[in-house]
């Protein structure tokens, strides 16, 4: 299976359980991998025969705009939206990192990973 990567998407969003996070926001880095078959697009050289990077980026940005307490919720929405909206995607994997999280410790980031496979029909 072939893969398309969107690496280090930088987003400012307002996720978190603490009141300060809801008001002030934080920096996030999102990485996305979609598993698909690229054989047709390799031959045709046509955008219609592949997964459009712009569509993937729009899904990530729109879901990151919708506030949530937990990154797990945001990641789940992203992979579900990709799999439901793009029929050629067989699996989507997203990693979301919160940069400099407001926790009691010297830590660069916290990160979660979520994946979803297309159900076999």
PDB file of N, CA and C in Angstrom:
ATOM      1  N   UNK A   1       0.846  -1.180   0.000  1.00  0.00           N
ATOM      2  CA  UNK A   1       0.000   0.000   0.000  1.00  0.00           C
ATOM      3  C   UNK A   1       0.893   1.246   0.000  1.00  0.00           C
ATOM      4  N   UNK A   2       0.509   2.219  -0.791  1.00  0.00           N
ATOM      5  CA  UNK A   2       1.246   3.470  -0.881  1.00  0.00           C
ATOM      6  C   UNK A   2       0.805   4.422   0.233  1.00  0.00           C
ATOM      7  N   UNK A   3       1.605   5.449   0.459  1.00  0.00           N
ATOM      8  CA  UNK A   3       1.301   6.387   1.535  1.00  0.00           C
ATOM      9  C   UNK A   3       1.517   7.817   1.071  1.00  0.00           C
ATOM     10  N   UNK A   4       0.688   8.702   1.597  1.00  0.00           N
ATOM     11  CA  UNK A   4       0.847  10.143   1.423  1.00  0.00           C
ATOM     12  C   UNK A   4       1.055  10.720   2.822  1.00  0.00           C
ATOM     13  N   UNK A   5       2.057  11.580   2.944  1.00  0.00           N
ATOM     14  CA  UNK A   5       2.406  12.179   4.230  1.00  0.00           C
ATOM     15  C   UNK A   5       2.170  13.684   4.189  1.00  0.00           C
ATOM     16  N   UNK A   6       1.590  14.213   5.238  1.00  0.00           N
ATOM     17  CA  UNK A   6       1.586  15.649   5.500  1.00  0.00           C
ATOM     18  C   UNK A   6       2.337  15.800   6.817  1.00  0.00           C
ATOM     19  N   UNK A   7       3.486  16.450   6.744  1.00  0.00           N
ATOM     20  CA  UNK A   7       4.396  16.450   7.879  1.00  0.00           C
ATOM     21  C   UNK A   7       4.501  17.835   8.513  1.00  0.00           C
ATOM     22  N   UNK A   8       4.404  17.847   9.843  1.00  0.00           N
ATOM     23  CA  UNK A   8       4.618  19.052  10.651  1.00  0.00           C
ATOM     24  C   UNK A   8       3.692  20.205  10.274  1.00  0.00           C
ATOM     25  N   UNK A   9       2.405  19.923  10.246  1.00  0.00           N
ATOM     26  CA  UNK A   9       1.393  20.959  10.040  1.00  0.00           C
ATOM     27  C   UNK A   9       1.319  21.773  11.328  1.00  0.00           C
ATOM     28  N   UNK A  10       1.589  23.060  11.227  1.00  0.00           N
ATOM     29  CA  UNK A  10       1.583  23.927  12.406  1.00  0.00           C
ATOM     30  C   UNK A  10       0.211  24.587  12.560  1.00  0.00           C
ATOM     31  N   UNK A  11      -0.359  24.441  13.752  1.00  0.00           N
ATOM     32  CA  UNK A  11      -1.705  24.953  14.022  1.00  0.00           C
ATOM     33  C   UNK A  11      -1.714  25.599  15.404  1.00  0.00           C
ATOM     34  N   UNK A  12      -2.458  26.691  15.528  1.00  0.00           N
ATOM     35  CA  UNK A  12      -2.715  27.284  16.842  1.00  0.00           C
ATOM     36  C   UNK A  12      -4.167  26.981  17.169  1.00  0.00           C
ATOM     37  N   UNK A  13      -4.409  26.360  18.336  1.00  0.00           N
ATOM     38  CA  UNK A  13      -5.770  25.950  18.673  1.00  0.00           C
ATOM     39  C   UNK A  13      -5.992  26.063  20.181  1.00  0.00           C
ATOM     40  N   UNK A  14      -7.214  25.780  20.604  1.00  0.00           N
ATOM     41  CA  UNK A  14      -7.653  26.022  21.976  1.00  0.00           C
ATOM     42  C   UNK A  14      -8.137  24.749  22.668  1.00  0.00           C
ATOM     43  N   UNK A  15      -7.396  23.668  22.557  1.00  0.00           N
ATOM     44  CA  UNK A  15      -7.780  22.408  23.181  1.00  0.00           C
ATOM     45  C   UNK A  15      -7.200  22.299  24.583  1.00  0.00           C
ATOM     46  N   UNK A  16      -7.924  21.615  25.448  1.00  0.00           N
ATOM     47  CA  UNK A  16      -7.429  21.362  26.789  1.00  0.00           C
ATOM     48  C   UNK A  16      -8.540  21.449  27.819  1.00  0.00           C
ATOM     49  N   UNK A  17      -8.263  20.876  28.966  1.00  0.00           N
ATOM     50  CA  UNK A  17      -9.247  20.846  30.060  1.00  0.00           C
ATOM     51  C   UNK A  17      -9.155  22.061  30.974  1.00  0.00           C
ATOM     52  N   UNK A  18      -8.015  22.716  30.964  1.00  0.00           N
ATOM     53  CA  UNK A  18      -7.833  23.869  31.856  1.00  0.00           C
ATOM     54  C   UNK A  18      -8.438  25.122  31.230  1.00  0.00           C
ATOM     55  N   UNK A  19      -9.017  25.967  32.065  1.00  0.00           N
ATOM     56  CA  UNK A  19      -9.649  27.206  31.583  1.00  0.00           C
ATOM     57  C   UNK A  19      -8.674  28.079  30.798  1.00  0.00           C
ATOM     58  N   UNK A  20      -7.421  28.137  31.252  1.00  0.00           N
ATOM     59  CA  UNK A  20      -6.418  28.948  30.557  1.00  0.00           C
ATOM     60  C   UNK A  20      -6.210  28.474  29.125  1.00  0.00           C
ATOM     61  N   UNK A  21      -6.216  27.149  28.915  1.00  0.00           N
ATOM     62  CA  UNK A  21      -6.015  26.593  27.577  1.00  0.00           C
ATOM     63  C   UNK A  21      -7.160  26.978  26.645  1.00  0.00           C
ATOM     64  N   UNK A  22      -8.355  27.039  27.203  1.00  0.00           N
ATOM     65  CA  UNK A  22      -9.528  27.392  26.403  1.00  0.00           C
ATOM     66  C   UNK A  22      -9.482  28.845  25.957  1.00  0.00           C
ATOM     67  N   UNK A  23      -8.832  29.706  26.756  1.00  0.00           N
ATOM     68  CA  UNK A  23      -8.777  31.137  26.454  1.00  0.00           C
ATOM     69  C   UNK A  23      -7.514  31.525  25.691  1.00  0.00           C
ATOM     70  N   UNK A  24      -6.382  31.005  26.130  1.00  0.00           N
ATOM     71  CA  UNK A  24      -5.091  31.429  25.589  1.00  0.00           C
ATOM     72  C   UNK A  24      -4.691  30.618  24.356  1.00  0.00           C
ATOM     73  N   UNK A  25      -4.985  29.329  24.357  1.00  0.00           N
ATOM     74  CA  UNK A  25      -4.607  28.467  23.246  1.00  0.00           C
ATOM     75  C   UNK A  25      -3.166  28.010  23.334  1.00  0.00           C
ATOM     76  N   UNK A  26      -2.749  27.252  22.320  1.00  0.00           N
ATOM     77  CA  UNK A  26      -1.418  26.669  22.314  1.00  0.00           C
ATOM     78  C   UNK A  26      -1.023  26.303  20.890  1.00  0.00           C
ATOM     79  N   UNK A  27       0.270  26.077  20.711  1.00  0.00           N
ATOM     80  CA  UNK A  27       0.786  25.604  19.427  1.00  0.00           C
ATOM     81  C   UNK A  27       0.689  24.087  19.358  1.00  0.00           C
ATOM     82  N   UNK A  28       0.370  23.592  18.171  1.00  0.00           N
ATOM     83  CA  UNK A  28       0.267  22.160  17.916  1.00  0.00           C
ATOM     84  C   UNK A  28       1.002  21.826  16.632  1.00  0.00           C
ATOM     85  N   UNK A  29       1.505  20.613  16.575  1.00  0.00           N
ATOM     86  CA  UNK A  29       2.086  20.066  15.352  1.00  0.00           C
ATOM     87  C   UNK A  29       1.301  18.797  15.027  1.00  0.00           C
ATOM     88  N   UNK A  30       0.787  18.727  13.794  1.00  0.00           N
ATOM     89  CA  UNK A  30       0.000  17.577  13.352  1.00  0.00           C
ATOM     90  C   UNK A  30       0.755  16.884  12.221  1.00  0.00           C
ATOM     91  N   UNK A  31       0.858  15.568  12.317  1.00  0.00           N
ATOM     92  CA  UNK A  31       1.433  14.750  11.251  1.00  0.00           C
ATOM     93  C   UNK A  31       0.387  13.740  10.817  1.00  0.00           C
ATOM     94  N   UNK A  32       0.297  13.574   9.508  1.00  0.00           N
ATOM     95  CA  UNK A  32      -0.754  12.736   8.940  1.00  0.00           C
ATOM     96  C   UNK A  32      -0.159  11.798   7.905  1.00  0.00           C
ATOM     97  N   UNK A  33      -0.617  10.534   7.935  1.00  0.00           N
ATOM     98  CA  UNK A  33      -0.261   9.556   6.912  1.00  0.00           C
ATOM     99  C   UNK A  33      -1.557   8.914   6.438  1.00  0.00           C
ATOM    100  N   UNK A  34      -1.760   8.902   5.129  1.00  0.00           N
ATOM    101  CA  UNK A  34      -2.901   8.178   4.584  1.00  0.00           C
ATOM    102  C   UNK A  34      -2.381   7.061   3.684  1.00  0.00           C
ATOM    103  N   UNK A  35      -2.982   5.895   3.830  1.00  0.00           N
ATOM    104  CA  UNK A  35      -2.631   4.725   3.046  1.00  0.00           C
ATOM    105  C   UNK A  35      -3.636   4.626   1.902  1.00  0.00           C
ATOM    106  N   UNK A  36      -3.117   4.540   0.694  1.00  0.00           N
ATOM    107  CA  UNK A  36      -3.971   4.507  -0.484  1.00  0.00           C
ATOM    108  C   UNK A  36      -3.212   3.838  -1.622  1.00  0.00           C
ATOM    109  N   UNK A  37      -3.869   3.597  -2.727  1.00  0.00           N
ATOM    110  CA  UNK A  37      -3.229   3.037  -3.914  1.00  0.00           C
ATOM    111  C   UNK A  37      -2.931   4.179  -4.880  1.00  0.00           C
ATOM    112  N   UNK A  38      -1.659   4.413  -5.142  1.00  0.00           N
ATOM    113  CA  UNK A  38      -1.246   5.517  -6.013  1.00  0.00           C
ATOM    114  C   UNK A  38      -0.942   5.067  -7.442  1.00  0.00           C
ATOM    115  N   UNK A  39      -1.198   3.814  -7.759  1.00  0.00           N
ATOM    116  CA  UNK A  39      -0.807   3.309  -9.075  1.00  0.00           C
ATOM    117  C   UNK A  39      -1.511   4.040 -10.216  1.00  0.00           C
ATOM    118  N   UNK A  40      -2.786   4.359 -10.091  1.00  0.00           N
ATOM    119  CA  UNK A  40      -3.508   5.060 -11.154  1.00  0.00           C
ATOM    120  C   UNK A  40      -2.973   6.481 -11.339  1.00  0.00           C
ATOM    121  N   UNK A  41      -2.783   7.207 -10.242  1.00  0.00           N
ATOM    122  CA  UNK A  41      -2.289   8.585 -10.358  1.00  0.00           C
ATOM    123  C   UNK A  41      -0.852   8.635 -10.880  1.00  0.00           C
ATOM    124  N   UNK A  42      -0.074   7.613 -10.583  1.00  0.00           N
ATOM    125  CA  UNK A  42       1.292   7.561 -11.125  1.00  0.00           C
ATOM    126  C   UNK A  42       1.274   7.483 -12.655  1.00  0.00           C
ATOM    127  N   UNK A  43       0.290   6.776 -13.192  1.00  0.00           N
ATOM    128  CA  UNK A  43       0.186   6.632 -14.653  1.00  0.00           C
ATOM    129  C   UNK A  43      -0.524   7.811 -15.299  1.00  0.00           C
ATOM    130  N   UNK A  44      -1.624   8.266 -14.682  1.00  0.00           N
ATOM    131  CA  UNK A  44      -2.455   9.306 -15.305  1.00  0.00           C
ATOM    132  C   UNK A  44      -1.890  10.702 -15.121  1.00  0.00           C
ATOM    133  N   UNK A  45      -1.172  10.927 -14.033  1.00  0.00           N
ATOM    134  CA  UNK A  45      -0.654  12.255 -13.683  1.00  0.00           C
ATOM    135  C   UNK A  45      -1.792  13.263 -13.506  1.00  0.00           C
ATOM    136  N   UNK A  46      -2.931  12.783 -12.989  1.00  0.00           N
ATOM    137  CA  UNK A  46      -4.121  13.610 -12.797  1.00  0.00           C
ATOM    138  C   UNK A  46      -4.482  13.675 -11.312  1.00  0.00           C
ATOM    139  N   UNK A  47      -4.797  14.882 -10.854  1.00  0.00           N
ATOM    140  CA  UNK A  47      -5.162  15.092  -9.456  1.00  0.00           C
ATOM    141  C   UNK A  47      -6.394  14.283  -9.067  1.00  0.00           C
ATOM    142  N   UNK A  48      -7.322  14.132  -9.976  1.00  0.00           N
ATOM    143  CA  UNK A  48      -8.566  13.405  -9.681  1.00  0.00           C
ATOM    144  C   UNK A  48      -8.322  11.932  -9.341  1.00  0.00           C
ATOM    145  N   UNK A  49      -7.143  11.423  -9.668  1.00  0.00           N
ATOM    146  CA  UNK A  49      -6.833  10.012  -9.440  1.00  0.00           C
ATOM    147  C   UNK A  49      -6.016   9.759  -8.175  1.00  0.00           C
ATOM    148  N   UNK A  50      -5.906  10.767  -7.331  1.00  0.00           N
ATOM    149  CA  UNK A  50      -5.148  10.602  -6.089  1.00  0.00           C
ATOM    150  C   UNK A  50      -5.907  11.246  -4.931  1.00  0.00           C
ATOM    151  N   UNK A  51      -5.315  11.264  -3.776  1.00  0.00           N
ATOM    152  CA  UNK A  51      -5.869  11.953  -2.613  1.00  0.00           C
ATOM    153  C   UNK A  51      -5.271  13.359  -2.607  1.00  0.00           C
ATOM    154  N   UNK A  52      -6.120  14.345  -2.704  1.00  0.00           N
ATOM    155  CA  UNK A  52      -5.689  15.743  -2.795  1.00  0.00           C
ATOM    156  C   UNK A  52      -5.137  16.211  -1.447  1.00  0.00           C
ATOM    157  N   UNK A  53      -3.886  16.671  -1.439  1.00  0.00           N
ATOM    158  CA  UNK A  53      -3.256  17.158  -0.204  1.00  0.00           C
ATOM    159  C   UNK A  53      -4.021  18.322   0.395  1.00  0.00           C
ATOM    160  N   UNK A  54      -4.584  19.160  -0.467  1.00  0.00           N
ATOM    161  CA  UNK A  54      -5.329  20.334   0.004  1.00  0.00           C
ATOM    162  C   UNK A  54      -6.559  19.893   0.799  1.00  0.00           C
ATOM    163  N   UNK A  55      -7.235  18.868   0.331  1.00  0.00           N
ATOM    164  CA  UNK A  55      -8.406  18.345   1.045  1.00  0.00           C
ATOM    165  C   UNK A  55      -7.979  17.802   2.410  1.00  0.00           C
ATOM    166  N   UNK A  56      -6.879  17.064   2.443  1.00  0.00           N
ATOM    167  CA  UNK A  56      -6.388  16.532   3.718  1.00  0.00           C
ATOM    168  C   UNK A  56      -6.049  17.665   4.687  1.00  0.00           C
ATOM    169  N   UNK A  57      -5.344  18.674   4.193  1.00  0.00           N
ATOM    170  CA  UNK A  57      -4.973  19.806   5.039  1.00  0.00           C
ATOM    171  C   UNK A  57      -6.204  20.544   5.559  1.00  0.00           C
ATOM    172  N   UNK A  58      -7.211  20.723   4.703  1.00  0.00           N
ATOM    173  CA  UNK A  58      -8.450  21.382   5.132  1.00  0.00           C
ATOM    174  C   UNK A  58      -9.150  20.602   6.237  1.00  0.00           C
ATOM    175  N   UNK A  59      -9.170  19.277   6.118  1.00  0.00           N
ATOM    176  CA  UNK A  59      -9.794  18.450   7.157  1.00  0.00           C
ATOM    177  C   UNK A  59      -9.061  18.656   8.482  1.00  0.00           C
ATOM    178  N   UNK A  60      -7.738  18.604   8.445  1.00  0.00           N
ATOM    179  CA  UNK A  60      -6.952  18.786   9.672  1.00  0.00           C
ATOM    180  C   UNK A  60      -7.227  20.159  10.273  1.00  0.00           C
ATOM    181  N   UNK A  61      -7.132  21.206   9.457  1.00  0.00           N
ATOM    182  CA  UNK A  61      -7.322  22.566   9.981  1.00  0.00           C
ATOM    183  C   UNK A  61      -8.728  22.777  10.533  1.00  0.00           C
ATOM    184  N   UNK A  62      -9.731  22.277   9.849  1.00  0.00           N
ATOM    185  CA  UNK A  62     -11.113  22.448  10.318  1.00  0.00           C
ATOM    186  C   UNK A  62     -11.368  21.695  11.618  1.00  0.00           C
ATOM    187  N   UNK A  63     -10.835  20.501  11.741  1.00  0.00           N
ATOM    188  CA  UNK A  63     -11.043  19.733  12.970  1.00  0.00           C
ATOM    189  C   UNK A  63     -10.237  20.314  14.127  1.00  0.00           C
ATOM    190  N   UNK A  64      -9.084  20.892  13.836  1.00  0.00           N
ATOM    191  CA  UNK A  64      -8.294  21.535  14.889  1.00  0.00           C
ATOM    192  C   UNK A  64      -8.970  22.819  15.381  1.00  0.00           C
ATOM    193  N   UNK A  65      -9.771  23.453  14.538  1.00  0.00           N
ATOM    194  CA  UNK A  65     -10.505  24.660  14.943  1.00  0.00           C
ATOM    195  C   UNK A  65     -11.616  24.347  15.932  1.00  0.00           C
ATOM    196  N   UNK A  66     -12.198  23.148  15.822  1.00  0.00           N
ATOM    197  CA  UNK A  66     -13.314  22.758  16.688  1.00  0.00           C
ATOM    198  C   UNK A  66     -12.751  22.342  18.049  1.00  0.00           C
ATOM    199  N   UNK A  67     -12.940  23.176  19.051  1.00  0.00           N
ATOM    200  CA  UNK A  67     -12.357  22.990  20.369  1.00  0.00           C
ATOM    201  C   UNK A  67     -12.770  21.678  21.027  1.00  0.00           C
ATOM    202  N   UNK A  68     -11.828  21.087  21.745  1.00  0.00           N
ATOM    203  CA  UNK A  68     -12.102  19.857  22.497  1.00  0.00           C
ATOM    204  C   UNK A  68     -11.270  19.876  23.773  1.00  0.00           C
ATOM    205  N   UNK A  69     -11.706  19.121  24.756  1.00  0.00           N
ATOM    206  CA  UNK A  69     -10.918  18.975  25.974  1.00  0.00           C
ATOM    207  C   UNK A  69      -9.693  18.096  25.732  1.00  0.00           C
ATOM    208  N   UNK A  70      -9.877  17.035  24.947  1.00  0.00           N
ATOM    209  CA  UNK A  70      -8.820  16.038  24.768  1.00  0.00           C
ATOM    210  C   UNK A  70      -8.349  15.956  23.315  1.00  0.00           C
ATOM    211  N   UNK A  71      -7.046  15.785  23.137  1.00  0.00           N
ATOM    212  CA  UNK A  71      -6.503  15.591  21.799  1.00  0.00           C
ATOM    213  C   UNK A  71      -7.009  14.288  21.184  1.00  0.00           C
ATOM    214  N   UNK A  72      -7.332  13.325  22.010  1.00  0.00           N
ATOM    215  CA  UNK A  72      -7.885  12.070  21.520  1.00  0.00           C
ATOM    216  C   UNK A  72      -9.149  12.315  20.697  1.00  0.00           C
ATOM    217  N   UNK A  73      -9.984  13.233  21.173  1.00  0.00           N
ATOM    218  CA  UNK A  73     -11.231  13.569  20.478  1.00  0.00           C
ATOM    219  C   UNK A  73     -10.936  14.205  19.126  1.00  0.00           C
ATOM    220  N   UNK A  74      -9.992  15.123  19.089  1.00  0.00           N
ATOM    221  CA  UNK A  74      -9.649  15.804  17.836  1.00  0.00           C
ATOM    222  C   UNK A  74      -9.061  14.813  16.839  1.00  0.00           C
ATOM    223  N   UNK A  75      -8.148  13.969  17.294  1.00  0.00           N
ATOM    224  CA  UNK A  75      -7.526  12.980  16.414  1.00  0.00           C
ATOM    225  C   UNK A  75      -8.561  12.015  15.855  1.00  0.00           C
ATOM    226  N   UNK A  76      -9.491  11.594  16.683  1.00  0.00           N
ATOM    227  CA  UNK A  76     -10.550  10.688  16.233  1.00  0.00           C
ATOM    228  C   UNK A  76     -11.411  11.342  15.163  1.00  0.00           C
ATOM    229  N   UNK A  77     -11.743  12.613  15.351  1.00  0.00           N
ATOM    230  CA  UNK A  77     -12.537  13.328  14.343  1.00  0.00           C
ATOM    231  C   UNK A  77     -11.779  13.432  13.023  1.00  0.00           C
ATOM    232  N   UNK A  78     -10.483  13.681  13.091  1.00  0.00           N
ATOM    233  CA  UNK A  78      -9.689  13.812  11.865  1.00  0.00           C
ATOM    234  C   UNK A  78      -9.676  12.506  11.076  1.00  0.00           C
ATOM    235  N   UNK A  79      -9.325  11.399  11.722  1.00  0.00           N
ATOM    236  CA  UNK A  79      -9.250  10.137  10.970  1.00  0.00           C
ATOM    237  C   UNK A  79     -10.613   9.681  10.486  1.00  0.00           C
ATOM    238  N   UNK A  80     -11.657   9.899  11.273  1.00  0.00           N
ATOM    239  CA  UNK A  80     -13.000   9.520  10.834  1.00  0.00           C
ATOM    240  C   UNK A  80     -13.445  10.331   9.619  1.00  0.00           C
ATOM    241  N   UNK A  81     -13.161  11.622   9.628  1.00  0.00           N
ATOM    242  CA  UNK A  81     -13.536  12.499   8.521  1.00  0.00           C
ATOM    243  C   UNK A  81     -12.794  12.089   7.247  1.00  0.00           C
ATOM    244  N   UNK A  82     -11.517  11.798   7.364  1.00  0.00           N
ATOM    245  CA  UNK A  82     -10.726  11.403   6.196  1.00  0.00           C
ATOM    246  C   UNK A  82     -11.266  10.108   5.588  1.00  0.00           C
ATOM    247  N   UNK A  83     -11.474   9.106   6.416  1.00  0.00           N
ATOM    248  CA  UNK A  83     -11.937   7.811   5.913  1.00  0.00           C
ATOM    249  C   UNK A  83     -13.353   7.917   5.339  1.00  0.00           C
ATOM    250  N   UNK A  84     -14.214   8.705   5.969  1.00  0.00           N
ATOM    251  CA  UNK A  84     -15.591   8.817   5.463  1.00  0.00           C
ATOM    252  C   UNK A  84     -15.691   9.685   4.216  1.00  0.00           C
ATOM    253  N   UNK A  85     -14.830  10.681   4.094  1.00  0.00           N
ATOM    254  CA  UNK A  85     -14.927  11.632   2.988  1.00  0.00           C
ATOM    255  C   UNK A  85     -14.117  11.220   1.754  1.00  0.00           C
ATOM    256  N   UNK A  86     -13.090  10.412   1.947  1.00  0.00           N
ATOM    257  CA  UNK A  86     -12.194  10.063   0.839  1.00  0.00           C
ATOM    258  C   UNK A  86     -12.184   8.541   0.636  1.00  0.00           C
ATOM    259  N   UNK A  87     -12.988   8.042  -0.291  1.00  0.00           N
ATOM    260  CA  UNK A  87     -13.161   6.597  -0.462  1.00  0.00           C
ATOM    261  C   UNK A  87     -11.887   5.822  -0.822  1.00  0.00           C
ATOM    262  N   UNK A  88     -10.910   6.489  -1.428  1.00  0.00           N
ATOM    263  CA  UNK A  88      -9.689   5.770  -1.821  1.00  0.00           C
ATOM    264  C   UNK A  88      -8.718   5.576  -0.659  1.00  0.00           C
ATOM    265  N   UNK A  89      -8.971   6.219   0.470  1.00  0.00           N
ATOM    266  CA  UNK A  89      -8.099   6.060   1.638  1.00  0.00           C
ATOM    267  C   UNK A  89      -8.468   4.762   2.356  1.00  0.00           C
ATOM    268  N   UNK A  90      -7.468   3.904   2.507  1.00  0.00           N
ATOM    269  CA  UNK A  90      -7.669   2.621   3.194  1.00  0.00           C
ATOM    270  C   UNK A  90      -7.410   2.730   4.693  1.00  0.00           C
ATOM    271  N   UNK A  91      -6.507   3.648   5.065  1.00  0.00           N
ATOM    272  CA  UNK A  91      -6.200   3.851   6.474  1.00  0.00           C
ATOM    273  C   UNK A  91      -5.653   5.263   6.636  1.00  0.00           C
ATOM    274  N   UNK A  92      -6.003   5.886   7.764  1.00  0.00           N
ATOM    275  CA  UNK A  92      -5.477   7.212   8.098  1.00  0.00           C
ATOM    276  C   UNK A  92      -4.860   7.132   9.487  1.00  0.00           C
ATOM    277  N   UNK A  93      -3.683   7.746   9.623  1.00  0.00           N
ATOM    278  CA  UNK A  93      -2.977   7.792  10.903  1.00  0.00           C
ATOM    279  C   UNK A  93      -2.634   9.250  11.174  1.00  0.00           C
ATOM    280  N   UNK A  94      -3.004   9.728  12.362  1.00  0.00           N
ATOM    281  CA  UNK A  94      -2.697  11.111  12.731  1.00  0.00           C
ATOM    282  C   UNK A  94      -1.969  11.126  14.069  1.00  0.00           C
ATOM    283  N   UNK A  95      -1.004  12.020  14.161  1.00  0.00           N
ATOM    284  CA  UNK A  95      -0.329  12.298  15.431  1.00  0.00           C
ATOM    285  C   UNK A  95      -0.496  13.784  15.698  1.00  0.00           C
ATOM    286  N   UNK A  96      -0.918  14.108  16.906  1.00  0.00           N
ATOM    287  CA  UNK A  96      -1.083  15.506  17.300  1.00  0.00           C
ATOM    288  C   UNK A  96      -0.217  15.746  18.533  1.00  0.00           C
ATOM    289  N   UNK A  97       0.647  16.757  18.432  1.00  0.00           N
ATOM    290  CA  UNK A  97       1.522  17.113  19.550  1.00  0.00           C
ATOM    291  C   UNK A  97       1.162  18.504  20.042  1.00  0.00           C
ATOM    292  N   UNK A  98       0.985  18.626  21.351  1.00  0.00           N
ATOM    293  CA  UNK A  98       0.804  19.939  21.986  1.00  0.00           C
ATOM    294  C   UNK A  98       2.177  20.397  22.444  1.00  0.00           C
ATOM    295  N   UNK A  99       2.608  21.547  21.930  1.00  0.00           N
ATOM    296  CA  UNK A  99       3.929  22.074  22.233  1.00  0.00           C
ATOM    297  C   UNK A  99       3.891  22.819  23.571  1.00  0.00           C
ATOM    298  N   UNK A 100       4.882  22.575  24.404  1.00  0.00           N
ATOM    299  CA  UNK A 100       4.986  23.213  25.722  1.00  0.00           C
ATOM    300  C   UNK A 100       3.684  23.122  26.518  1.00  0.00           C
ATOM    301  N   UNK A 101       3.207  21.920  26.804  1.00  0.00           N
ATOM    302  CA  UNK A 101       1.942  21.777  27.524  1.00  0.00           C
ATOM    303  C   UNK A 101       2.038  22.332  28.947  1.00  0.00           C
ATOM    304  N   UNK A 102       0.928  22.872  29.445  1.00  0.00           N
ATOM    305  CA  UNK A 102       0.940  23.463  30.784  1.00  0.00           C
ATOM    306  C   UNK A 102       0.801  22.402  31.873  1.00  0.00           C
ATOM    307  N   UNK A 103       1.830  21.585  31.999  1.00  0.00           N
ATOM    308  CA  UNK A 103       1.838  20.572  33.056  1.00  0.00           C
ATOM    309  C   UNK A 103       3.059  20.821  33.933  1.00  0.00           C
ATOM    310  N   UNK A 104       3.056  20.262  35.084  1.00  0.00           N
ATOM    311  CA  UNK A 104       4.120  20.510  36.049  1.00  0.00           C
ATOM    312  C   UNK A 104       5.350  19.676  35.707  1.00  0.00           C
ATOM    313  N   UNK A 105       6.168  20.194  34.782  1.00  0.00           N
ATOM    314  CA  UNK A 105       7.379  19.493  34.390  1.00  0.00           C
ATOM    315  C   UNK A 105       8.002  20.167  33.177  1.00  0.00           C
ATOM    316  N   UNK A 106       9.278  19.889  32.971  1.00  0.00           N
ATOM    317  CA  UNK A 106      10.002  20.429  31.829  1.00  0.00           C
ATOM    318  C   UNK A 106       9.841  19.445  30.673  1.00  0.00           C
ATOM    319  N   UNK A 107       8.914  19.746  29.774  1.00  0.00           N
ATOM    320  CA  UNK A 107       8.572  18.815  28.692  1.00  0.00           C
ATOM    321  C   UNK A 107       8.316  19.605  27.411  1.00  0.00           C
ATOM    322  N   UNK A 108       8.863  19.124  26.319  1.00  0.00           N
ATOM    323  CA  UNK A 108       8.705  19.814  25.032  1.00  0.00           C
ATOM    324  C   UNK A 108       7.294  19.689  24.473  1.00  0.00           C
ATOM    325  N   UNK A 109       6.743  18.479  24.578  1.00  0.00           N
ATOM    326  CA  UNK A 109       5.429  18.245  23.974  1.00  0.00           C
ATOM    327  C   UNK A 109       4.788  17.002  24.558  1.00  0.00           C
ATOM    328  N   UNK A 110       3.484  16.927  24.416  1.00  0.00           N
ATOM    329  CA  UNK A 110       2.749  15.683  24.635  1.00  0.00           C
ATOM    330  C   UNK A 110       2.141  15.331  23.291  1.00  0.00           C
ATOM    331  N   UNK A 111       2.065  14.043  22.993  1.00  0.00           N
ATOM    332  CA  UNK A 111       1.576  13.642  21.673  1.00  0.00           C
ATOM    333  C   UNK A 111       0.672  12.425  21.794  1.00  0.00           C
ATOM    334  N   UNK A 112      -0.345  12.400  20.946  1.00  0.00           N
ATOM    335  CA  UNK A 112      -1.189  11.217  20.838  1.00  0.00           C
ATOM    336  C   UNK A 112      -1.184  10.769  19.378  1.00  0.00           C
ATOM    337  N   UNK A 113      -1.485   9.496  19.182  1.00  0.00           N
ATOM    338  CA  UNK A 113      -1.562   8.913  17.845  1.00  0.00           C
ATOM    339  C   UNK A 113      -2.872   8.154  17.739  1.00  0.00           C
ATOM    340  N   UNK A 114      -3.539   8.317  16.605  1.00  0.00           N
ATOM    341  CA  UNK A 114      -4.820   7.631  16.379  1.00  0.00           C
ATOM    342  C   UNK A 114      -4.839   7.158  14.937  1.00  0.00           C
ATOM    343  N   UNK A 115      -5.382   5.983  14.710  1.00  0.00           N
ATOM    344  CA  UNK A 115      -5.524   5.485  13.345  1.00  0.00           C
ATOM    345  C   UNK A 115      -6.894   4.883  13.128  1.00  0.00           C
ATOM    346  N   UNK A 116      -7.279   4.889  11.884  1.00  0.00           N
ATOM    347  CA  UNK A 116      -8.560   4.271  11.520  1.00  0.00           C
ATOM    348  C   UNK A 116      -8.396   3.598  10.177  1.00  0.00           C
ATOM    349  N   UNK A 117      -8.847   2.352  10.108  1.00  0.00           N
ATOM    350  CA  UNK A 117      -8.860   1.597   8.847  1.00  0.00           C
ATOM    351  C   UNK A 117     -10.269   1.603   8.290  1.00  0.00           C
ATOM    352  N   UNK A 118     -10.339   1.592   6.975  1.00  0.00           N
ATOM    353  CA  UNK A 118     -11.641   1.495   6.314  1.00  0.00           C
ATOM    354  C   UNK A 118     -12.228   0.123   6.601  1.00  0.00           C
ATOM    355  N   UNK A 119     -13.483   0.093   6.958  1.00  0.00           N
ATOM    356  CA  UNK A 119     -14.190  -1.176   7.181  1.00  0.00           C
ATOM    357  C   UNK A 119     -14.338  -1.909   5.845  1.00  0.00           C
ATOM    358  N   UNK A 120     -14.109  -3.196   5.873  1.00  0.00           N
ATOM    359  CA  UNK A 120     -14.281  -3.983   4.649  1.00  0.00           C
ATOM    360  C   UNK A 120     -15.758  -4.168   4.380  1.00  0.00           C
ATOM    361  N   UNK A 121     -16.115  -3.950   3.124  1.00  0.00           N
ATOM    362  CA  UNK A 121     -17.544  -4.093   2.767  1.00  0.00           C
ATOM    363  C   UNK A 121     -17.758  -5.271   1.871  1.00  0.00           C
TER     364      UNK A 121
END
